[in-house]
Amino acid sequence: MPNPREDYLRMFPEYDVQGMHFPVRCGHCGIVYDMGRVEVLQRYQDCSMWKCPGCKVLVDDRKPPWGVRHYTELDKNGRPRE
């Protein structure tokens, strides 16, 4: 019998997130970086903005429906959070 959890884990590889406090994977270039170490360029009342260390795209931390999701949060094992 197929296991949906195993299929999910096969679709998404693990990333090396050792030593990262808040690991994320960029939705544009795919690199994995620690959001806790990015240099915040601007703080607003509803979000913070920074540039992705890989592709230099301007990213903010608003969640849909108010913003576009520019990154995927990863858990401490390097897998996408559900």
Protein backbone atom coordinates (compact mmCIF):
# COMPACT_ATOMS: atom_id res chain seq x y z
CA MET A 1 0.00 0.00 0.00
CA PRO A 2 1.47 3.42 -0.97
CA ASN A 3 2.52 5.69 1.87
CA PRO A 4 1.90 9.41 1.12
CA ARG A 5 4.52 10.49 3.68
CA GLU A 6 7.25 8.43 2.00
CA ASP A 7 6.26 9.82 -1.41
CA TYR A 8 6.50 13.36 0.00
CA LEU A 9 9.99 12.71 1.43
CA ARG A 10 11.19 11.33 -1.92
CA MET A 11 9.95 14.40 -3.80
CA PHE A 12 11.92 16.84 -1.59
CA PRO A 13 15.60 16.19 -0.93
CA GLU A 14 17.27 16.96 2.38
CA TYR A 15 19.46 20.04 2.61
CA ASP A 16 22.45 20.61 4.89
CA VAL A 17 21.09 22.99 7.52
CA GLN A 18 23.57 22.22 10.27
CA GLY A 19 24.17 25.27 12.47
CA MET A 20 21.33 27.31 10.96
CA HIS A 21 18.77 28.91 13.26
CA PHE A 22 16.00 29.51 10.70
CA PRO A 23 16.84 27.67 7.43
CA VAL A 24 14.95 28.55 4.24
CA ARG A 25 15.28 27.64 0.55
CA CYS A 26 14.96 30.44 -2.01
CA GLY A 27 12.06 30.03 -4.40
CA HIS A 28 13.98 31.78 -7.18
CA CYS A 29 17.51 30.32 -7.23
CA GLY A 30 17.08 27.33 -4.87
CA ILE A 31 19.96 28.02 -2.46
CA VAL A 32 19.55 27.27 1.23
CA TYR A 33 20.42 30.06 3.66
CA ASP A 34 19.87 31.05 7.28
CA MET A 35 17.19 33.73 7.46
CA GLY A 36 18.46 34.58 10.94
CA ARG A 37 21.74 35.87 9.44
CA VAL A 38 20.50 37.96 6.51
CA GLU A 39 21.01 41.71 6.55
CA VAL A 40 17.58 43.33 6.79
CA LEU A 41 17.40 46.26 4.38
CA GLN A 42 14.08 47.71 5.47
CA ARG A 43 11.58 47.13 8.26
CA TYR A 44 7.94 48.03 7.83
CA GLN A 45 5.00 47.68 10.15
CA ASP A 46 3.87 44.42 8.51
CA CYS A 47 7.13 42.91 7.17
CA SER A 48 10.92 42.99 6.86
CA MET A 49 12.80 43.02 3.54
CA TRP A 50 16.24 41.66 2.57
CA LYS A 51 18.07 40.38 -0.50
CA CYS A 52 18.58 36.67 -1.08
CA PRO A 53 22.31 35.91 -0.64
CA GLY A 54 22.33 33.87 -3.86
CA CYS A 55 20.29 35.64 -6.53
CA LYS A 56 19.99 39.08 -4.85
CA VAL A 57 16.19 39.15 -5.35
CA LEU A 58 14.39 41.43 -2.90
CA VAL A 59 12.49 39.20 -0.44
CA ASP A 60 9.94 39.97 2.26
CA ASP A 61 8.43 37.82 4.98
CA ARG A 62 4.74 38.49 4.35
CA LYS A 63 2.60 35.40 3.94
CA PRO A 64 -0.13 34.99 1.31
CA PRO A 65 -2.63 36.51 0.59
CA TRP A 66 -0.73 39.74 1.39
CA GLY A 67 2.53 38.80 -0.25
CA VAL A 68 4.27 36.37 -2.56
CA ARG A 69 6.05 33.47 -0.88
CA HIS A 70 9.69 33.92 -1.93
CA TYR A 71 11.08 31.05 0.16
CA THR A 72 10.26 27.68 1.70
CA GLU A 73 10.87 27.20 5.40
CA LEU A 74 12.90 24.11 6.28
CA ASP A 75 12.88 22.11 9.48
CA LYS A 76 16.01 21.14 11.44
CA ASN A 77 16.42 18.03 9.24
CA GLY A 78 16.50 20.07 6.03
CA ARG A 79 13.02 19.09 4.88
CA PRO A 80 10.25 21.55 3.95
CA ARG A 81 7.90 22.33 6.82
CA GLU A 82 4.38 21.10 6.34
